Amino acid sequence: MSSRELVVLGTASQVPTRQRNHNGYVLLWDGHGILFDPGEGTQRQMLRAGVSVHALNRICVTHFHGDHSLGLAGVIQRINLDRLPHTVTAHYPASGEQYFERLRHATAYRETVRLRQEPVAATGELTAAAPADGSSGNGTGTGTAAAPEAQGAPPFSLFAHRLSHPVEAYGYRLTEPDSRRMLPERLEARGIGGPDIARLKRTGELRGVRLEEVSEPRPGQRFAFVMDTRMCDGVLALAEDCDLLVIESTFLDEDAALAEEYGHLTAGQAGRAAAEAGVRSLVLTHFSQRYPDASLFARQARLAGFEGELTVAEDLTRIPVPKRRA
């Protein structure tokens, strides 16, 4: 199993179908788990997918329409029932605070876990990554979101960007810091080993040997999650140079007028945005029940110019994050 993968829990839009549950996506990233847009039925879909709530560190809600948030009540209660030993942080549009509170306290239950609420009020950084060299750090994100995780700072930064939808909505972008890959043969040739390797990574130079001489660039990876939105600047900002982009494509291109009216993307718009942004792997999801043939979404994304890896999401599929760029 990949240590970095997307688990798809649901792929329907407003109305679920026999084959498609309401939204739900879990990104597993080196021991950290982020649950995006838990729609109705998410708790059961996690069980079917083999994803425990113990894997979750964060919950990110793009907006408060039911197909993206009605599963919050069950997930939060399950987190408390299972007595997670760590804090779970929840991000969501600040204008929907009342909805989050209603869902969090929808029924009576015993609260045993610290659920840290960190609403999003504007485009910007939510939490800062741990230093790439592995040294300790205290993070410098905005607001309270930079507080250290109970199990250590995450190995990525998390950003939110405003989107265009009838209600306030944000997309999310995960960015791993660039670092360097140490080259054992060069280290050995210069007599550097053991604890000295970590010292060299921290200081950049040791006994006349520079870090650049014994290592090579290791580009960080990028992931973005873009749900209900019209085409806007936020879509491209979130998608830029992503290794994996999850993006809604509620409508086919022939229904572009409906997409604009209701604040959604078409398959062609999603494919074109991914191509312009340099996305490597594209996941289309959030399909209207009016279309029985999902293969048309892939076809229209290709016609729009996207040439990378393309997945038309299905419930309970697992999609690995592509290997690092060379």
Protein backbone atom coordinates (compact mmCIF):
# COMPACT_ATOMS: atom_id res chain seq x y z
CA MET A 1 0.00 0.00 0.00
CA SER A 2 1.28 3.45 -0.91
CA SER A 3 2.04 5.78 2.00
CA ARG A 4 0.57 8.58 -0.10
CA GLU A 5 -2.78 7.87 -1.67
CA LEU A 6 -6.30 9.14 -2.13
CA VAL A 7 -9.16 6.95 -0.93
CA VAL A 8 -12.41 7.82 -2.71
CA LEU A 9 -15.46 7.30 -0.50
CA GLY A 10 -18.16 8.92 -2.63
CA THR A 11 -18.47 10.55 -6.05
CA ALA A 12 -22.07 11.72 -6.47
CA SER A 13 -23.18 15.32 -6.55
CA GLN A 14 -26.45 16.51 -4.98
CA VAL A 15 -28.31 13.22 -5.44
CA PRO A 16 -26.64 9.85 -4.69
CA THR A 17 -27.21 6.89 -6.99
CA ARG A 18 -27.12 3.11 -6.60
CA GLN A 19 -23.42 3.19 -7.56
CA ARG A 20 -22.34 6.55 -6.14
CA ASN A 21 -22.46 7.71 -2.52
CA HIS A 22 -22.38 11.35 -1.54
CA ASN A 23 -18.93 12.97 -1.42
CA GLY A 24 -16.10 11.82 0.79
CA TYR A 25 -12.33 11.60 0.22
CA VAL A 26 -9.44 10.66 2.51
CA LEU A 27 -5.90 11.70 1.65
CA LEU A 28 -3.33 9.49 3.40
CA TRP A 29 0.08 11.17 3.50
CA ASP A 30 2.99 9.66 5.41
CA GLY A 31 0.98 8.80 8.50
CA HIS A 32 -1.31 11.83 8.33
CA GLY A 33 -4.91 11.59 7.17
CA ILE A 34 -7.16 14.37 5.88
CA LEU A 35 -10.88 13.77 5.37
CA PHE A 36 -12.34 16.08 2.73
CA ASP A 37 -16.06 16.91 2.41
CA PRO A 38 -17.73 14.13 4.41
CA GLY A 39 -21.16 13.80 2.86
CA GLU A 40 -23.99 11.62 4.12
CA GLY A 41 -22.88 8.01 4.60
CA THR A 42 -19.17 8.78 5.00
CA GLN A 43 -18.75 6.77 8.19
CA ARG A 44 -19.99 3.60 6.50
CA GLN A 45 -17.99 4.25 3.34
CA MET A 46 -14.83 4.52 5.45
CA LEU A 47 -15.62 1.12 6.92
CA ARG A 48 -16.12 -0.36 3.45
CA ALA A 49 -12.87 1.20 2.24
CA GLY A 50 -10.89 -0.06 5.22
CA VAL A 51 -10.02 3.40 6.53
CA SER A 52 -10.17 3.80 10.31
CA VAL A 53 -11.03 7.10 11.96
CA HIS A 54 -7.75 6.64 13.83
CA ALA A 55 -6.04 7.58 10.54
CA LEU A 56 -7.61 11.05 10.58
CA ASN A 57 -5.78 14.15 11.78
CA ARG A 58 -7.78 16.78 9.88
CA ILE A 59 -11.21 17.37 8.40
CA CYS A 60 -11.52 19.91 5.58
CA VAL A 61 -14.95 21.07 4.44
CA THR A 62 -15.12 23.15 1.26
CA HIS A 63 -18.64 24.52 1.88
CA PHE A 64 -21.87 23.77 3.69
CA HIS A 65 -24.09 22.11 1.13
CA GLY A 66 -25.46 18.81 2.38
CA ASP A 67 -23.67 16.52 -0.07
CA HIS A 68 -20.35 17.87 1.29
CA SER A 69 -21.05 18.05 5.00
CA LEU A 70 -24.00 16.02 6.31
CA GLY A 71 -21.67 13.15 7.21
CA LEU A 72 -19.82 15.33 9.73
CA ALA A 73 -22.13 14.39 12.60
CA GLY A 74 -21.48 10.68 12.29
CA VAL A 75 -17.75 11.02 11.73
CA ILE A 76 -17.30 13.31 14.73
CA GLN A 77 -19.29 10.99 16.97
CA ARG A 78 -17.27 7.99 15.74
CA ILE A 79 -14.02 9.81 16.48
CA ASN A 80 -15.19 10.26 20.06
CA LEU A 81 -16.60 6.75 20.37
CA ASP A 82 -13.21 5.31 19.36
CA ARG A 83 -11.36 7.70 21.72
CA LEU A 84 -8.69 8.88 19.32
CA PRO A 85 -5.47 9.57 21.23
CA HIS A 86 -4.67 12.71 19.21
CA THR A 87 -6.27 16.04 18.38
CA VAL A 88 -8.29 16.35 15.18
CA THR A 89 -8.35 19.75 13.47
CA ALA A 90 -11.34 20.89 11.42
CA HIS A 91 -11.20 23.57 8.70
CA TYR A 92 -14.34 24.99 7.10
CA PRO A 93 -15.66 28.35 5.85
CA ALA A 94 -16.02 30.75 8.78
CA SER A 95 -19.40 31.92 7.48
CA GLY A 96 -20.70 28.39 8.09
CA GLU A 97 -19.76 28.27 11.78
CA GLN A 98 -23.41 27.78 12.77
CA TYR A 99 -23.73 24.76 10.48
CA PHE A 100 -20.57 23.16 11.83
CA GLU A 101 -21.79 23.64 15.39
CA ARG A 102 -25.18 22.14 14.56
CA LEU A 103 -23.61 19.10 12.94
CA ARG A 104 -21.05 18.66 15.70
CA HIS A 105 -23.79 18.70 18.32
CA ALA A 106 -26.57 17.14 16.25
CA THR A 107 -27.33 14.56 18.98
CA ALA A 108 -26.14 13.65 22.45
CA TYR A 109 -22.84 11.79 22.77
CA ARG A 110 -19.84 11.67 25.08
CA GLU A 111 -16.99 13.90 23.94
CA THR A 112 -13.63 12.21 24.57
CA VAL A 113 -11.42 13.74 21.88
CA ARG A 114 -10.15 17.26 21.38
CA LEU A 115 -11.63 18.58 18.13
CA ARG A 116 -9.91 21.84 17.28
CA GLN A 117 -12.09 24.12 15.14
CA GLU A 118 -10.11 26.40 12.82
CA PRO A 119 -12.51 28.12 10.42
CA VAL A 120 -11.20 29.63 7.19
CA ALA A 121 -11.95 33.32 6.72
CA ALA A 122 -9.73 34.19 3.75
CA THR A 123 -7.37 32.79 1.15
CA GLY A 124 -4.03 31.89 2.74
CA GLU A 125 -1.88 29.40 4.63
CA LEU A 126 -3.60 27.31 7.29
CA THR A 127 -0.69 25.38 8.71
CA ALA A 128 3.05 25.27 8.12
CA ALA A 129 5.11 22.17 7.43
CA ALA A 130 7.74 20.74 9.71
CA PRO A 131 11.24 21.74 8.56
CA ALA A 132 12.39 19.58 5.67
CA ASP A 133 15.65 18.74 7.45
CA GLY A 134 13.72 17.06 10.26
CA SER A 135 14.71 19.57 12.93
CA SER A 136 12.15 20.90 15.38
CA GLY A 137 10.09 23.91 14.44
CA ASN A 138 7.12 25.81 15.74
CA GLY A 139 5.37 26.67 12.46
CA THR A 140 4.42 30.16 11.32
CA GLY A 141 0.98 29.76 9.75
CA THR A 142 -1.85 32.25 10.14
CA GLY A 143 -4.23 32.32 13.10
CA THR A 144 -4.28 29.38 15.50
CA ALA A 145 -3.79 26.84 12.71
CA ALA A 146 -0.02 26.96 13.18
CA ALA A 147 -0.27 25.32 16.58
CA PRO A 148 1.76 22.10 16.69
CA GLU A 149 -0.01 18.82 16.03
CA ALA A 150 -0.34 16.53 19.02
CA GLN A 151 1.80 14.01 17.15
CA GLY A 152 4.22 16.52 15.60
CA ALA A 153 4.05 19.14 12.90
CA PRO A 154 2.71 17.80 9.59
CA PRO A 155 5.17 17.12 6.74
CA PHE A 156 3.34 19.60 4.52
CA SER A 157 1.79 23.06 4.42
CA LEU A 158 -1.94 23.42 3.92
CA PHE A 159 -3.49 26.35 2.08
CA ALA A 160 -7.06 27.43 1.34
CA HIS A 161 -8.23 29.46 -1.65
CA ARG A 162 -11.62 31.08 -2.18
CA LEU A 163 -13.73 29.63 -5.01
CA SER A 164 -16.87 30.79 -6.85
CA HIS A 165 -20.07 29.10 -5.66
CA PRO A 166 -23.48 30.36 -4.50
CA VAL A 167 -22.33 29.88 -0.88
CA GLU A 168 -18.87 30.64 0.49
CA ALA A 169 -16.53 27.88 -0.64
CA TYR A 170 -12.80 27.16 -0.40
CA GLY A 171 -10.50 24.69 -2.10
CA TYR A 172 -7.49 23.21 -0.34
CA ARG A 173 -3.89 22.76 -1.46
CA LEU A 174 -1.23 20.64 0.24
CA THR A 175 2.42 21.48 -0.45
CA GLU A 176 5.43 19.49 0.67
CA PRO A 177 8.65 21.52 1.09
CA ASP A 178 11.45 20.94 -1.39
CA SER A 179 14.43 19.18 0.15
CA ARG A 180 17.57 17.34 -0.88
CA ARG A 181 18.30 13.64 -1.37
CA MET A 182 21.60 12.56 0.16
CA LEU A 183 23.90 10.51 -2.12
CA PRO A 184 25.62 7.74 -0.11
CA GLU A 185 28.54 7.26 -2.47
CA ARG A 186 29.47 10.95 -2.33
CA LEU A 187 29.07 11.04 1.45
CA GLU A 188 31.36 8.03 1.79
CA ALA A 189 33.95 9.54 -0.56
CA ARG A 190 34.14 12.65 1.65
CA GLY A 191 34.23 10.73 4.93
CA ILE A 192 30.83 11.83 6.20
CA GLY A 193 28.56 9.32 7.94
CA GLY A 194 26.42 8.68 10.99
CA PRO A 195 25.32 11.77 12.96
CA ASP A 196 27.46 14.00 10.73
CA ILE A 197 24.94 13.53 7.90
CA ALA A 198 22.19 15.17 9.96
CA ARG A 199 24.57 17.95 11.00
CA LEU A 200 25.44 18.63 7.37
CA LYS A 201 21.75 18.78 6.44
CA ARG A 202 21.09 21.27 9.24
CA THR A 203 24.10 23.54 8.68
CA GLY A 204 24.66 23.24 4.94
CA GLU A 205 28.42 22.74 5.37
CA LEU A 206 30.62 20.50 7.48
CA ARG A 207 34.42 20.26 7.53
CA GLY A 208 34.64 22.05 4.19
CA VAL A 209 32.02 19.84 2.49
CA ARG A 210 28.96 21.67 1.18
CA LEU A 211 25.52 20.04 1.18
CA GLU A 212 25.17 20.58 -2.59
CA GLU A 213 28.27 18.45 -3.19
CA VAL A 214 26.81 15.31 -1.62
CA SER A 215 23.10 15.61 -2.44
CA GLU A 216 20.66 16.41 -5.21
CA PRO A 217 17.37 18.36 -5.26
CA ARG A 218 14.30 16.45 -4.04
CA PRO A 219 11.20 18.33 -5.18
CA GLY A 220 8.25 18.39 -2.82
CA GLN A 221 4.91 17.02 -3.95
CA ARG A 222 1.65 18.93 -4.32
CA PHE A 223 -2.00 17.95 -3.99
CA ALA A 224 -5.16 20.02 -4.46
CA PHE A 225 -8.84 19.48 -3.75
CA VAL A 226 -11.26 21.61 -5.77
CA MET A 227 -14.98 21.14 -5.29
CA ASP A 228 -18.09 23.10 -6.23
CA THR A 229 -17.02 26.18 -8.16
CA ARG A 230 -17.32 28.05 -11.42
CA MET A 231 -14.10 28.60 -13.34
CA CYS A 232 -12.17 31.29 -11.43
CA ASP A 233 -8.62 32.31 -10.50
CA GLY A 234 -8.79 30.07 -7.45
CA VAL A 235 -9.07 26.92 -9.54
CA LEU A 236 -5.77 27.55 -11.34
CA ALA A 237 -4.02 28.77 -8.20
CA LEU A 238 -4.90 25.58 -6.37
CA ALA A 239 -4.07 23.29 -9.30
CA GLU A 240 -0.71 24.83 -10.26
CA ASP A 241 1.98 22.14 -10.75
CA CYS A 242 0.01 19.55 -8.77
CA ASP A 243 1.10 15.94 -8.74
CA LEU A 244 -2.51 14.97 -7.98
CA LEU A 245 -5.60 17.14 -8.47
CA VAL A 246 -9.07 16.11 -7.35
CA ILE A 247 -11.62 18.32 -9.08
CA GLU A 248 -15.36 18.39 -9.56
CA SER A 249 -16.82 17.94 -13.03
CA THR A 250 -20.52 17.92 -12.26
CA PHE A 251 -21.68 18.62 -15.81
CA LEU A 252 -20.71 17.69 -19.34
CA ASP A 253 -19.76 20.49 -21.70
CA GLU A 254 -23.11 20.60 -23.46
CA ASP A 255 -24.63 21.76 -20.16
CA ALA A 256 -22.13 24.58 -19.59
CA ALA A 257 -24.94 27.09 -19.04
CA LEU A 258 -26.31 25.01 -16.17
CA ALA A 259 -22.84 24.66 -14.72
CA GLU A 260 -22.40 28.44 -14.70
CA GLU A 261 -25.85 29.01 -13.20
CA TYR A 262 -25.36 26.59 -10.33
CA GLY A 263 -21.67 27.30 -9.71
CA HIS A 264 -20.02 24.18 -11.10
CA LEU A 265 -17.44 23.01 -13.64
CA THR A 266 -17.85 20.92 -16.74
CA ALA A 267 -15.55 18.02 -17.62
CA GLY A 268 -13.96 20.09 -20.37
CA GLN A 269 -13.32 23.03 -18.04
CA ALA A 270 -11.74 20.71 -15.47
CA GLY A 271 -9.50 19.13 -18.09
CA ARG A 272 -8.49 22.48 -19.56
CA ALA A 273 -7.65 23.90 -16.13
CA ALA A 274 -5.53 20.84 -15.29
CA ALA A 275 -3.66 21.13 -18.60
CA GLU A 276 -2.96 24.84 -18.12
CA ALA A 277 -1.82 24.28 -14.54
CA GLY A 278 0.63 21.48 -15.41
CA VAL A 279 -1.17 18.80 -13.39
CA ARG A 280 0.36 15.31 -13.60
CA SER A 281 -2.55 13.16 -12.39
CA LEU A 282 -6.18 14.30 -12.62
CA VAL A 283 -9.14 12.82 -10.74
CA LEU A 284 -12.60 13.83 -11.97
CA THR A 285 -15.49 13.41 -9.53
CA HIS A 286 -18.80 14.86 -8.21
CA PHE A 287 -20.94 13.68 -11.12
CA SER A 288 -24.55 14.65 -11.69
CA GLN A 289 -26.95 11.72 -11.66
CA ARG A 290 -28.26 12.81 -15.08
CA TYR A 291 -25.29 11.18 -16.85
CA PRO A 292 -25.28 7.35 -16.92
CA ASP A 293 -22.08 7.08 -19.00
CA ALA A 294 -19.13 8.28 -16.90
CA SER A 295 -16.66 7.64 -19.74
CA LEU A 296 -17.89 10.84 -21.41
CA PHE A 297 -16.25 12.89 -18.66
CA ALA A 298 -12.82 11.48 -19.48
CA ARG A 299 -13.37 11.99 -23.20
CA GLN A 300 -14.26 15.67 -22.77
CA ALA A 301 -11.32 16.29 -20.41
CA ARG A 302 -8.99 14.80 -23.04
CA LEU A 303 -10.53 16.87 -25.84
CA ALA A 304 -9.88 19.96 -23.70
CA GLY A 305 -6.14 19.23 -23.80
CA PHE A 306 -5.28 17.23 -20.69
CA GLU A 307 -2.66 14.59 -21.53
CA GLY A 308 -1.57 13.33 -18.10
CA GLU A 309 -2.84 10.45 -16.02
CA LEU A 310 -6.64 10.63 -15.81
CA THR A 311 -9.06 8.87 -13.46
CA VAL A 312 -12.84 9.05 -13.53
CA ALA A 313 -13.41 8.39 -9.84
CA GLU A 314 -15.55 5.55 -8.59
CA ASP A 315 -16.57 4.87 -5.00
CA LEU A 316 -14.05 2.94 -2.88
CA THR A 317 -11.15 3.26 -5.32
CA ARG A 318 -7.62 4.08 -4.13
CA ILE A 319 -5.44 6.36 -6.24
CA PRO A 320 -1.73 6.64 -5.41
CA VAL A 321 0.03 9.98 -5.52
CA PRO A 322 2.42 9.79 -8.51
CA LYS A 323 6.10 9.24 -7.86
CA ARG A 324 8.17 12.37 -7.46
CA ARG A 325 9.17 14.38 -10.46
CA ALA A 326 12.66 13.56 -11.65
